[in-house]
């Protein structure tokens, strides 16, 4: 892995935190805002998060099976899965303004009309 000064450094172990990885797995779908209107939303988790209470039988999964369980869960719930390794809040990349989102994802600027 690359250290904070740009040189290569040996990670303490191979977990995502020590390797400097912050992947998210999730999906997009409708959500409800504060006044009850339906708005676009997203749900995402760390792929190795404990699925207990969300996925049936999730408490019995070992760490290596958790990403596959989350993938199947989001695929079944939303019909698609998004995996993003950028630093995100849910599935929104940190540092990306909302009005820049269309351009940063597809490279084409949107119009206001």
PDB file of N, CA and C in Angstrom:
ATOM      1  N   UNK A   1       0.830  -1.176   0.000  1.00  0.00           N
ATOM      2  CA  UNK A   1       0.000   0.000   0.000  1.00  0.00           C
ATOM      3  C   UNK A   1       0.873   1.237   0.000  1.00  0.00           C
ATOM      4  N   UNK A   2       0.294   2.380  -0.356  1.00  0.00           N
ATOM      5  CA  UNK A   2       1.049   3.625  -0.390  1.00  0.00           C
ATOM      6  C   UNK A   2       0.867   4.355   0.927  1.00  0.00           C
ATOM      7  N   UNK A   3       1.959   4.814   1.510  1.00  0.00           N
ATOM      8  CA  UNK A   3       1.879   5.542   2.777  1.00  0.00           C
ATOM      9  C   UNK A   3       1.475   6.985   2.509  1.00  0.00           C
ATOM     10  N   UNK A   4       1.318   7.754   3.568  1.00  0.00           N
ATOM     11  CA  UNK A   4       0.881   9.148   3.438  1.00  0.00           C
ATOM     12  C   UNK A   4       1.924  10.031   2.749  1.00  0.00           C
ATOM     13  N   UNK A   5       3.161   9.588   2.660  1.00  0.00           N
ATOM     14  CA  UNK A   5       4.199  10.372   1.979  1.00  0.00           C
ATOM     15  C   UNK A   5       4.457   9.891   0.558  1.00  0.00           C
ATOM     16  N   UNK A   6       3.665   8.929   0.093  1.00  0.00           N
ATOM     17  CA  UNK A   6       3.797   8.460  -1.278  1.00  0.00           C
ATOM     18  C   UNK A   6       4.689   7.248  -1.442  1.00  0.00           C
ATOM     19  N   UNK A   7       5.439   6.868  -0.417  1.00  0.00           N
ATOM     20  CA  UNK A   7       6.296   5.688  -0.494  1.00  0.00           C
ATOM     21  C   UNK A   7       5.475   4.445  -0.168  1.00  0.00           C
ATOM     22  N   UNK A   8       5.954   3.325  -0.599  1.00  0.00           N
ATOM     23  CA  UNK A   8       5.257   2.078  -0.296  1.00  0.00           C
ATOM     24  C   UNK A   8       5.523   1.672   1.146  1.00  0.00           C
ATOM     25  N   UNK A   9       4.503   1.151   1.795  1.00  0.00           N
ATOM     26  CA  UNK A   9       4.625   0.717   3.186  1.00  0.00           C
ATOM     27  C   UNK A   9       3.920  -0.620   3.332  1.00  0.00           C
ATOM     28  N   UNK A  10       4.400  -1.434   4.241  1.00  0.00           N
ATOM     29  CA  UNK A  10       3.778  -2.731   4.498  1.00  0.00           C
ATOM     30  C   UNK A  10       2.615  -2.533   5.462  1.00  0.00           C
ATOM     31  N   UNK A  11       1.464  -3.068   5.083  1.00  0.00           N
ATOM     32  CA  UNK A  11       0.276  -2.958   5.936  1.00  0.00           C
ATOM     33  C   UNK A  11       0.411  -3.906   7.120  1.00  0.00           C
ATOM     34  N   UNK A  12      -0.199  -3.520   8.237  1.00  0.00           N
ATOM     35  CA  UNK A  12      -0.185  -4.341   9.446  1.00  0.00           C
ATOM     36  C   UNK A  12      -0.821  -5.698   9.178  1.00  0.00           C
ATOM     37  N   UNK A  13      -1.955  -5.705   8.488  1.00  0.00           N
ATOM     38  CA  UNK A  13      -2.631  -6.946   8.109  1.00  0.00           C
ATOM     39  C   UNK A  13      -3.366  -6.700   6.797  1.00  0.00           C
ATOM     40  N   UNK A  14      -4.156  -7.631   6.355  1.00  0.00           N
ATOM     41  CA  UNK A  14      -4.814  -7.501   5.058  1.00  0.00           C
ATOM     42  C   UNK A  14      -6.271  -7.077   5.152  1.00  0.00           C
ATOM     43  N   UNK A  15      -6.687  -6.513   6.290  1.00  0.00           N
ATOM     44  CA  UNK A  15      -8.060  -6.011   6.363  1.00  0.00           C
ATOM     45  C   UNK A  15      -8.147  -4.711   5.559  1.00  0.00           C
ATOM     46  N   UNK A  16      -9.361  -4.319   5.199  1.00  0.00           N
ATOM     47  CA  UNK A  16      -9.553  -3.132   4.368  1.00  0.00           C
ATOM     48  C   UNK A  16      -9.050  -1.866   5.057  1.00  0.00           C
ATOM     49  N   UNK A  17      -9.207  -1.771   6.368  1.00  0.00           N
ATOM     50  CA  UNK A  17      -8.756  -0.574   7.083  1.00  0.00           C
ATOM     51  C   UNK A  17      -7.239  -0.432   7.005  1.00  0.00           C
ATOM     52  N   UNK A  18      -6.513  -1.519   7.250  1.00  0.00           N
ATOM     53  CA  UNK A  18      -5.050  -1.453   7.212  1.00  0.00           C
ATOM     54  C   UNK A  18      -4.517  -1.310   5.787  1.00  0.00           C
ATOM     55  N   UNK A  19      -5.266  -1.799   4.818  1.00  0.00           N
ATOM     56  CA  UNK A  19      -4.844  -1.680   3.418  1.00  0.00           C
ATOM     57  C   UNK A  19      -5.244  -0.337   2.812  1.00  0.00           C
ATOM     58  N   UNK A  20      -5.996   0.465   3.568  1.00  0.00           N
ATOM     59  CA  UNK A  20      -6.387   1.783   3.080  1.00  0.00           C
ATOM     60  C   UNK A  20      -7.529   1.736   2.085  1.00  0.00           C
ATOM     61  N   UNK A  21      -8.360   0.728   2.155  1.00  0.00           N
ATOM     62  CA  UNK A  21      -9.494   0.596   1.245  1.00  0.00           C
ATOM     63  C   UNK A  21     -10.773   1.027   1.947  1.00  0.00           C
ATOM     64  N   UNK A  22     -11.651   1.681   1.241  1.00  0.00           N
ATOM     65  CA  UNK A  22     -12.926   2.088   1.813  1.00  0.00           C
ATOM     66  C   UNK A  22     -14.039   1.769   0.823  1.00  0.00           C
ATOM     67  N   UNK A  23     -14.188   0.510   0.430  1.00  0.00           N
ATOM     68  CA  UNK A  23     -15.235   0.206  -0.551  1.00  0.00           C
ATOM     69  C   UNK A  23     -16.623   0.270   0.072  1.00  0.00           C
ATOM     70  N   UNK A  24     -17.604   0.597  -0.743  1.00  0.00           N
ATOM     71  CA  UNK A  24     -19.006   0.604  -0.348  1.00  0.00           C
ATOM     72  C   UNK A  24     -19.763  -0.250  -1.348  1.00  0.00           C
ATOM     73  N   UNK A  25     -20.779  -0.948  -0.890  1.00  0.00           N
ATOM     74  CA  UNK A  25     -21.640  -1.731  -1.755  1.00  0.00           C
ATOM     75  C   UNK A  25     -23.065  -1.324  -1.424  1.00  0.00           C
ATOM     76  N   UNK A  26     -23.881  -1.101  -2.436  1.00  0.00           N
ATOM     77  CA  UNK A  26     -25.240  -0.653  -2.180  1.00  0.00           C
ATOM     78  C   UNK A  26     -26.064  -0.568  -3.445  1.00  0.00           C
ATOM     79  N   UNK A  27     -27.150   0.192  -3.368  1.00  0.00           N
ATOM     80  CA  UNK A  27     -28.045   0.366  -4.505  1.00  0.00           C
ATOM     81  C   UNK A  27     -28.770   1.696  -4.386  1.00  0.00           C
ATOM     82  N   UNK A  28     -29.354   2.139  -5.482  1.00  0.00           N
ATOM     83  CA  UNK A  28     -30.162   3.350  -5.524  1.00  0.00           C
ATOM     84  C   UNK A  28     -31.632   2.961  -5.531  1.00  0.00           C
ATOM     85  N   UNK A  29     -32.464   3.848  -5.036  1.00  0.00           N
ATOM     86  CA  UNK A  29     -33.896   3.577  -5.046  1.00  0.00           C
ATOM     87  C   UNK A  29     -34.659   4.728  -4.429  1.00  0.00           C
ATOM     88  N   UNK A  30     -35.963   4.591  -4.344  1.00  0.00           N
ATOM     89  CA  UNK A  30     -36.763   5.680  -3.775  1.00  0.00           C
ATOM     90  C   UNK A  30     -36.613   5.755  -2.264  1.00  0.00           C
ATOM     91  N   UNK A  31     -36.685   6.960  -1.757  1.00  0.00           N
ATOM     92  CA  UNK A  31     -36.654   7.210  -0.309  1.00  0.00           C
ATOM     93  C   UNK A  31     -37.728   8.238   0.006  1.00  0.00           C
ATOM     94  N   UNK A  32     -37.999   8.451   1.251  1.00  0.00           N
ATOM     95  CA  UNK A  32     -38.996   9.422   1.669  1.00  0.00           C
ATOM     96  C   UNK A  32     -38.303  10.558   2.408  1.00  0.00           C
ATOM     97  N   UNK A  33     -38.609  11.801   2.013  1.00  0.00           N
ATOM     98  CA  UNK A  33     -37.987  12.941   2.686  1.00  0.00           C
ATOM     99  C   UNK A  33     -38.773  13.324   3.935  1.00  0.00           C
ATOM    100  N   UNK A  34     -38.416  14.454   4.560  1.00  0.00           N
ATOM    101  CA  UNK A  34     -39.010  14.879   5.831  1.00  0.00           C
ATOM    102  C   UNK A  34     -40.505  15.171   5.746  1.00  0.00           C
ATOM    103  N   UNK A  35     -40.974  15.565   4.575  1.00  0.00           N
ATOM    104  CA  UNK A  35     -42.400  15.889   4.438  1.00  0.00           C
ATOM    105  C   UNK A  35     -43.198  14.755   3.805  1.00  0.00           C
ATOM    106  N   UNK A  36     -42.555  13.607   3.579  1.00  0.00           N
ATOM    107  CA  UNK A  36     -43.266  12.436   3.065  1.00  0.00           C
ATOM    108  C   UNK A  36     -43.249  12.275   1.553  1.00  0.00           C
ATOM    109  N   UNK A  37     -42.528  13.139   0.847  1.00  0.00           N
ATOM    110  CA  UNK A  37     -42.433  13.014  -0.610  1.00  0.00           C
ATOM    111  C   UNK A  37     -41.397  11.964  -0.979  1.00  0.00           C
ATOM    112  N   UNK A  38     -41.623  11.283  -2.106  1.00  0.00           N
ATOM    113  CA  UNK A  38     -40.667  10.293  -2.596  1.00  0.00           C
ATOM    114  C   UNK A  38     -39.543  11.003  -3.341  1.00  0.00           C
ATOM    115  N   UNK A  39     -38.304  10.707  -2.973  1.00  0.00           N
ATOM    116  CA  UNK A  39     -37.122  11.319  -3.573  1.00  0.00           C
ATOM    117  C   UNK A  39     -36.113  10.231  -3.895  1.00  0.00           C
ATOM    118  N   UNK A  40     -35.152  10.494  -4.804  1.00  0.00           N
ATOM    119  CA  UNK A  40     -34.106   9.505  -5.057  1.00  0.00           C
ATOM    120  C   UNK A  40     -33.248   9.306  -3.820  1.00  0.00           C
ATOM    121  N   UNK A  41     -32.847   8.089  -3.551  1.00  0.00           N
ATOM    122  CA  UNK A  41     -32.011   7.801  -2.390  1.00  0.00           C
ATOM    123  C   UNK A  41     -31.071   6.652  -2.662  1.00  0.00           C
ATOM    124  N   UNK A  42     -30.241   6.348  -1.679  1.00  0.00           N
ATOM    125  CA  UNK A  42     -29.321   5.226  -1.813  1.00  0.00           C
ATOM    126  C   UNK A  42     -29.121   4.578  -0.453  1.00  0.00           C
ATOM    127  N   UNK A  43     -28.759   3.331  -0.504  1.00  0.00           N
ATOM    128  CA  UNK A  43     -28.410   2.587   0.710  1.00  0.00           C
ATOM    129  C   UNK A  43     -27.086   1.893   0.427  1.00  0.00           C
ATOM    130  N   UNK A  44     -26.175   1.949   1.379  1.00  0.00           N
ATOM    131  CA  UNK A  44     -24.880   1.332   1.174  1.00  0.00           C
ATOM    132  C   UNK A  44     -24.286   0.905   2.505  1.00  0.00           C
ATOM    133  N   UNK A  45     -23.417  -0.093   2.442  1.00  0.00           N
ATOM    134  CA  UNK A  45     -22.728  -0.590   3.630  1.00  0.00           C
ATOM    135  C   UNK A  45     -21.292  -0.928   3.254  1.00  0.00           C
ATOM    136  N   UNK A  46     -20.482  -1.110   4.267  1.00  0.00           N
ATOM    137  CA  UNK A  46     -19.140  -1.656   4.097  1.00  0.00           C
ATOM    138  C   UNK A  46     -19.326  -3.140   3.771  1.00  0.00           C
ATOM    139  N   UNK A  47     -18.689  -3.681   2.719  1.00  0.00           N
ATOM    140  CA  UNK A  47     -18.964  -5.058   2.295  1.00  0.00           C
ATOM    141  C   UNK A  47     -18.765  -6.129   3.367  1.00  0.00           C
ATOM    142  N   UNK A  48     -17.911  -5.860   4.363  1.00  0.00           N
ATOM    143  CA  UNK A  48     -17.668  -6.859   5.401  1.00  0.00           C
ATOM    144  C   UNK A  48     -18.455  -6.579   6.679  1.00  0.00           C
ATOM    145  N   UNK A  49     -19.442  -5.641   6.574  1.00  0.00           N
ATOM    146  CA  UNK A  49     -20.271  -5.321   7.740  1.00  0.00           C
ATOM    147  C   UNK A  49     -21.114  -6.533   8.134  1.00  0.00           C
ATOM    148  N   UNK A  50     -21.400  -6.628   9.414  1.00  0.00           N
ATOM    149  CA  UNK A  50     -22.200  -7.727   9.944  1.00  0.00           C
ATOM    150  C   UNK A  50     -23.639  -7.584   9.445  1.00  0.00           C
ATOM    151  N   UNK A  51     -24.146  -8.563   8.694  1.00  0.00           N
ATOM    152  CA  UNK A  51     -25.505  -8.459   8.150  1.00  0.00           C
ATOM    153  C   UNK A  51     -26.591  -8.935   9.103  1.00  0.00           C
ATOM    154  N   UNK A  52     -26.240  -9.227  10.326  1.00  0.00           N
ATOM    155  CA  UNK A  52     -27.213  -9.708  11.307  1.00  0.00           C
ATOM    156  C   UNK A  52     -28.338  -8.687  11.466  1.00  0.00           C
ATOM    157  N   UNK A  53     -29.573  -9.151  11.409  1.00  0.00           N
ATOM    158  CA  UNK A  53     -30.728  -8.288  11.545  1.00  0.00           C
ATOM    159  C   UNK A  53     -31.226  -7.716  10.232  1.00  0.00           C
ATOM    160  N   UNK A  54     -30.424  -7.781   9.176  1.00  0.00           N
ATOM    161  CA  UNK A  54     -30.837  -7.283   7.864  1.00  0.00           C
ATOM    162  C   UNK A  54     -31.055  -8.449   6.908  1.00  0.00           C
ATOM    163  N   UNK A  55     -30.079  -9.346   6.857  1.00  0.00           N
ATOM    164  CA  UNK A  55     -30.150 -10.511   5.980  1.00  0.00           C
ATOM    165  C   UNK A  55     -30.459 -11.728   6.834  1.00  0.00           C
ATOM    166  N   UNK A  56     -31.459 -12.494   6.410  1.00  0.00           N
ATOM    167  CA  UNK A  56     -31.835 -13.687   7.169  1.00  0.00           C
ATOM    168  C   UNK A  56     -30.660 -14.657   7.232  1.00  0.00           C
ATOM    169  N   UNK A  57     -30.316 -15.096   8.417  1.00  0.00           N
ATOM    170  CA  UNK A  57     -29.178 -15.989   8.624  1.00  0.00           C
ATOM    171  C   UNK A  57     -27.837 -15.285   8.564  1.00  0.00           C
ATOM    172  N   UNK A  58     -27.850 -13.942   8.530  1.00  0.00           N
ATOM    173  CA  UNK A  58     -26.611 -13.169   8.408  1.00  0.00           C
ATOM    174  C   UNK A  58     -25.673 -13.302   9.585  1.00  0.00           C
ATOM    175  N   UNK A  59     -26.199 -13.631  10.758  1.00  0.00           N
ATOM    176  CA  UNK A  59     -25.348 -13.768  11.932  1.00  0.00           C
ATOM    177  C   UNK A  59     -24.450 -14.987  11.887  1.00  0.00           C
ATOM    178  N   UNK A  60     -24.754 -15.930  10.998  1.00  0.00           N
ATOM    179  CA  UNK A  60     -23.959 -17.158  10.898  1.00  0.00           C
ATOM    180  C   UNK A  60     -22.899 -17.089   9.803  1.00  0.00           C
ATOM    181  N   UNK A  61     -22.793 -15.960   9.106  1.00  0.00           N
ATOM    182  CA  UNK A  61     -21.836 -15.843   8.007  1.00  0.00           C
ATOM    183  C   UNK A  61     -20.455 -15.478   8.518  1.00  0.00           C
ATOM    184  N   UNK A  62     -19.439 -16.145   7.979  1.00  0.00           N
ATOM    185  CA  UNK A  62     -18.082 -15.722   8.328  1.00  0.00           C
ATOM    186  C   UNK A  62     -17.732 -14.501   7.481  1.00  0.00           C
ATOM    187  N   UNK A  63     -16.683 -13.810   7.851  1.00  0.00           N
ATOM    188  CA  UNK A  63     -16.315 -12.541   7.226  1.00  0.00           C
ATOM    189  C   UNK A  63     -16.117 -12.641   5.712  1.00  0.00           C
ATOM    190  N   UNK A  64     -15.587 -13.746   5.234  1.00  0.00           N
ATOM    191  CA  UNK A  64     -15.337 -13.906   3.806  1.00  0.00           C
ATOM    192  C   UNK A  64     -16.592 -14.056   2.965  1.00  0.00           C
ATOM    193  N   UNK A  65     -17.700 -14.440   3.572  1.00  0.00           N
ATOM    194  CA  UNK A  65     -18.954 -14.621   2.843  1.00  0.00           C
ATOM    195  C   UNK A  65     -19.841 -13.372   2.858  1.00  0.00           C
ATOM    196  N   UNK A  66     -19.533 -12.426   3.717  1.00  0.00           N
ATOM    197  CA  UNK A  66     -20.390 -11.250   3.875  1.00  0.00           C
ATOM    198  C   UNK A  66     -20.540 -10.411   2.602  1.00  0.00           C
ATOM    199  N   UNK A  67     -19.455 -10.115   1.838  1.00  0.00           N
ATOM    200  CA  UNK A  67     -19.655  -9.322   0.614  1.00  0.00           C
ATOM    201  C   UNK A  67     -20.616  -9.992  -0.372  1.00  0.00           C
ATOM    202  N   UNK A  68     -20.558 -11.303  -0.471  1.00  0.00           N
ATOM    203  CA  UNK A  68     -21.442 -12.017  -1.391  1.00  0.00           C
ATOM    204  C   UNK A  68     -22.892 -11.958  -0.910  1.00  0.00           C
ATOM    205  N   UNK A  69     -23.085 -12.017   0.409  1.00  0.00           N
ATOM    206  CA  UNK A  69     -24.438 -11.912   0.972  1.00  0.00           C
ATOM    207  C   UNK A  69     -25.009 -10.518   0.737  1.00  0.00           C
ATOM    208  N   UNK A  70     -24.180  -9.483   0.938  1.00  0.00           N
ATOM    209  CA  UNK A  70     -24.658  -8.125   0.687  1.00  0.00           C
ATOM    210  C   UNK A  70     -24.971  -7.927  -0.793  1.00  0.00           C
ATOM    211  N   UNK A  71     -24.124  -8.464  -1.680  1.00  0.00           N
ATOM    212  CA  UNK A  71     -24.363  -8.351  -3.124  1.00  0.00           C
ATOM    213  C   UNK A  71     -25.717  -8.965  -3.468  1.00  0.00           C
ATOM    214  N   UNK A  72     -25.968 -10.183  -2.997  1.00  0.00           N
ATOM    215  CA  UNK A  72     -27.239 -10.856  -3.281  1.00  0.00           C
ATOM    216  C   UNK A  72     -28.416 -10.083  -2.696  1.00  0.00           C
ATOM    217  N   UNK A  73     -28.229  -9.517  -1.503  1.00  0.00           N
ATOM    218  CA  UNK A  73     -29.294  -8.753  -0.856  1.00  0.00           C
ATOM    219  C   UNK A  73     -29.683  -7.533  -1.686  1.00  0.00           C
ATOM    220  N   UNK A  74     -28.694  -6.716  -2.074  1.00  0.00           N
ATOM    221  CA  UNK A  74     -28.992  -5.512  -2.853  1.00  0.00           C
ATOM    222  C   UNK A  74     -29.524  -5.856  -4.239  1.00  0.00           C
ATOM    223  N   UNK A  75     -29.022  -6.921  -4.835  1.00  0.00           N
ATOM    224  CA  UNK A  75     -29.526  -7.345  -6.142  1.00  0.00           C
ATOM    225  C   UNK A  75     -30.994  -7.745  -6.048  1.00  0.00           C
ATOM    226  N   UNK A  76     -31.351  -8.455  -5.003  1.00  0.00           N
ATOM    227  CA  UNK A  76     -32.735  -8.871  -4.824  1.00  0.00           C
ATOM    228  C   UNK A  76     -33.635  -7.677  -4.484  1.00  0.00           C
ATOM    229  N   UNK A  77     -33.156  -6.768  -3.639  1.00  0.00           N
ATOM    230  CA  UNK A  77     -33.968  -5.629  -3.206  1.00  0.00           C
ATOM    231  C   UNK A  77     -34.177  -4.601  -4.311  1.00  0.00           C
ATOM    232  N   UNK A  78     -33.126  -4.271  -5.062  1.00  0.00           N
ATOM    233  CA  UNK A  78     -33.200  -3.163  -6.016  1.00  0.00           C
ATOM    234  C   UNK A  78     -33.031  -3.582  -7.467  1.00  0.00           C
ATOM    235  N   UNK A  79     -32.548  -4.788  -7.711  1.00  0.00           N
ATOM    236  CA  UNK A  79     -32.324  -5.221  -9.085  1.00  0.00           C
ATOM    237  C   UNK A  79     -30.979  -4.806  -9.644  1.00  0.00           C
ATOM    238  N   UNK A  80     -30.170  -4.123  -8.852  1.00  0.00           N
ATOM    239  CA  UNK A  80     -28.826  -3.720  -9.281  1.00  0.00           C
ATOM    240  C   UNK A  80     -27.943  -3.562  -8.051  1.00  0.00           C
ATOM    241  N   UNK A  81     -26.639  -3.509  -8.282  1.00  0.00           N
ATOM    242  CA  UNK A  81     -25.673  -3.342  -7.197  1.00  0.00           C
ATOM    243  C   UNK A  81     -24.622  -2.337  -7.647  1.00  0.00           C
ATOM    244  N   UNK A  82     -24.241  -1.438  -6.747  1.00  0.00           N
ATOM    245  CA  UNK A  82     -23.190  -0.465  -7.015  1.00  0.00           C
ATOM    246  C   UNK A  82     -22.056  -0.723  -6.029  1.00  0.00           C
ATOM    247  N   UNK A  83     -20.835  -0.828  -6.543  1.00  0.00           N
ATOM    248  CA  UNK A  83     -19.654  -0.960  -5.691  1.00  0.00           C
ATOM    249  C   UNK A  83     -18.761   0.233  -6.000  1.00  0.00           C
ATOM    250  N   UNK A  84     -18.397   0.977  -4.975  1.00  0.00           N
ATOM    251  CA  UNK A  84     -17.585   2.181  -5.165  1.00  0.00           C
ATOM    252  C   UNK A  84     -16.453   2.165  -4.155  1.00  0.00           C
ATOM    253  N   UNK A  85     -15.237   2.351  -4.627  1.00  0.00           N
ATOM    254  CA  UNK A  85     -14.092   2.336  -3.717  1.00  0.00           C
ATOM    255  C   UNK A  85     -13.644   3.736  -3.311  1.00  0.00           C
ATOM    256  N   UNK A  86     -14.341   4.767  -3.803  1.00  0.00           N
ATOM    257  CA  UNK A  86     -14.029   6.129  -3.371  1.00  0.00           C
ATOM    258  C   UNK A  86     -14.577   6.354  -1.967  1.00  0.00           C
ATOM    259  N   UNK A  87     -14.060   7.339  -1.274  1.00  0.00           N
ATOM    260  CA  UNK A  87     -14.622   7.700   0.029  1.00  0.00           C
ATOM    261  C   UNK A  87     -16.017   8.252  -0.199  1.00  0.00           C
ATOM    262  N   UNK A  88     -17.019   7.628   0.416  1.00  0.00           N
ATOM    263  CA  UNK A  88     -18.410   7.983   0.166  1.00  0.00           C
ATOM    264  C   UNK A  88     -19.186   8.134   1.462  1.00  0.00           C
ATOM    265  N   UNK A  89     -20.270   8.879   1.375  1.00  0.00           N
ATOM    266  CA  UNK A  89     -21.306   8.897   2.389  1.00  0.00           C
ATOM    267  C   UNK A  89     -22.495   8.238   1.713  1.00  0.00           C
ATOM    268  N   UNK A  90     -22.881   7.065   2.183  1.00  0.00           N
ATOM    269  CA  UNK A  90     -23.773   6.169   1.449  1.00  0.00           C
ATOM    270  C   UNK A  90     -23.131   5.927   0.094  1.00  0.00           C
ATOM    271  N   UNK A  91     -23.746   6.322  -1.003  1.00  0.00           N
ATOM    272  CA  UNK A  91     -23.094   6.147  -2.301  1.00  0.00           C
ATOM    273  C   UNK A  91     -22.728   7.484  -2.931  1.00  0.00           C
ATOM    274  N   UNK A  92     -22.666   8.541  -2.120  1.00  0.00           N
ATOM    275  CA  UNK A  92     -22.314   9.856  -2.648  1.00  0.00           C
ATOM    276  C   UNK A  92     -20.837  10.111  -2.375  1.00  0.00           C
ATOM    277  N   UNK A  93     -20.004  10.267  -3.431  1.00  0.00           N
ATOM    278  CA  UNK A  93     -18.564  10.491  -3.221  1.00  0.00           C
ATOM    279  C   UNK A  93     -18.296  11.772  -2.439  1.00  0.00           C
ATOM    280  N   UNK A  94     -17.414  11.685  -1.456  1.00  0.00           N
ATOM    281  CA  UNK A  94     -17.037  12.842  -0.649  1.00  0.00           C
ATOM    282  C   UNK A  94     -16.335  13.855  -1.539  1.00  0.00           C
ATOM    283  N   UNK A  95     -16.696  15.104  -1.418  1.00  0.00           N
ATOM    284  CA  UNK A  95     -16.054  16.171  -2.190  1.00  0.00           C
ATOM    285  C   UNK A  95     -16.712  16.458  -3.519  1.00  0.00           C
ATOM    286  N   UNK A  96     -17.755  15.724  -3.896  1.00  0.00           N
ATOM    287  CA  UNK A  96     -18.458  15.981  -5.151  1.00  0.00           C
ATOM    288  C   UNK A  96     -19.717  16.763  -4.822  1.00  0.00           C
ATOM    289  N   UNK A  97     -19.825  17.971  -5.380  1.00  0.00           N
ATOM    290  CA  UNK A  97     -21.019  18.779  -5.157  1.00  0.00           C
ATOM    291  C   UNK A  97     -22.190  18.173  -5.922  1.00  0.00           C
ATOM    292  N   UNK A  98     -23.384  18.382  -5.444  1.00  0.00           N
ATOM    293  CA  UNK A  98     -24.555  17.792  -6.085  1.00  0.00           C
ATOM    294  C   UNK A  98     -24.749  18.278  -7.517  1.00  0.00           C
ATOM    295  N   UNK A  99     -24.442  19.535  -7.803  1.00  0.00           N
ATOM    296  CA  UNK A  99     -24.615  20.035  -9.157  1.00  0.00           C
ATOM    297  C   UNK A  99     -23.504  19.577 -10.101  1.00  0.00           C
ATOM    298  N   UNK A 100     -22.439  18.971  -9.577  1.00  0.00           N
ATOM    299  CA  UNK A 100     -21.370  18.425 -10.411  1.00  0.00           C
ATOM    300  C   UNK A 100     -21.531  16.929 -10.667  1.00  0.00           C
ATOM    301  N   UNK A 101     -22.524  16.302 -10.076  1.00  0.00           N
ATOM    302  CA  UNK A 101     -22.623  14.847 -10.105  1.00  0.00           C
ATOM    303  C   UNK A 101     -22.792  14.293 -11.509  1.00  0.00           C
ATOM    304  N   UNK A 102     -23.674  14.866 -12.313  1.00  0.00           N
ATOM    305  CA  UNK A 102     -23.898  14.347 -13.658  1.00  0.00           C
ATOM    306  C   UNK A 102     -22.602  14.378 -14.464  1.00  0.00           C
ATOM    307  N   UNK A 103     -21.880  15.502 -14.408  1.00  0.00           N
ATOM    308  CA  UNK A 103     -20.648  15.616 -15.167  1.00  0.00           C
ATOM    309  C   UNK A 103     -19.586  14.648 -14.666  1.00  0.00           C
ATOM    310  N   UNK A 104     -19.426  14.504 -13.353  1.00  0.00           N
ATOM    311  CA  UNK A 104     -18.346  13.664 -12.845  1.00  0.00           C
ATOM    312  C   UNK A 104     -18.605  12.192 -13.123  1.00  0.00           C
ATOM    313  N   UNK A 105     -19.860  11.773 -13.237  1.00  0.00           N
ATOM    314  CA  UNK A 105     -20.157  10.366 -13.472  1.00  0.00           C
ATOM    315  C   UNK A 105     -20.055  10.001 -14.958  1.00  0.00           C
ATOM    316  N   UNK A 106     -20.533  10.880 -15.860  1.00  0.00           N
ATOM    317  CA  UNK A 106     -20.599  10.511 -17.272  1.00  0.00           C
ATOM    318  C   UNK A 106     -19.720  11.366 -18.181  1.00  0.00           C
ATOM    319  N   UNK A 107     -19.198  12.485 -17.659  1.00  0.00           N
ATOM    320  CA  UNK A 107     -18.341  13.347 -18.466  1.00  0.00           C
ATOM    321  C   UNK A 107     -19.114  14.265 -19.379  1.00  0.00           C
ATOM    322  N   UNK A 108     -20.434  14.347 -19.234  1.00  0.00           N
ATOM    323  CA  UNK A 108     -21.262  15.213 -20.066  1.00  0.00           C
ATOM    324  C   UNK A 108     -21.986  16.190 -19.156  1.00  0.00           C
ATOM    325  N   UNK A 109     -21.867  17.466 -19.434  1.00  0.00           N
ATOM    326  CA  UNK A 109     -22.523  18.467 -18.590  1.00  0.00           C
ATOM    327  C   UNK A 109     -24.016  18.468 -18.854  1.00  0.00           C
ATOM    328  N   UNK A 110     -24.808  18.577 -17.807  1.00  0.00           N
ATOM    329  CA  UNK A 110     -26.264  18.655 -17.944  1.00  0.00           C
ATOM    330  C   UNK A 110     -26.699  20.066 -18.291  1.00  0.00           C
ATOM    331  N   UNK A 111     -27.938  20.195 -18.729  1.00  0.00           N
ATOM    332  CA  UNK A 111     -28.495  21.504 -19.041  1.00  0.00           C
ATOM    333  C   UNK A 111     -29.555  21.844 -18.017  1.00  0.00           C
ATOM    334  N   UNK A 112     -29.887  23.113 -17.890  1.00  0.00           N
ATOM    335  CA  UNK A 112     -30.847  23.546 -16.884  1.00  0.00           C
ATOM    336  C   UNK A 112     -32.282  23.495 -17.385  1.00  0.00           C
ATOM    337  N   UNK A 113     -32.508  23.223 -18.669  1.00  0.00           N
ATOM    338  CA  UNK A 113     -33.890  23.202 -19.166  1.00  0.00           C
ATOM    339  C   UNK A 113     -34.434  21.829 -19.357  1.00  0.00           C
TER     340      UNK A 113
END
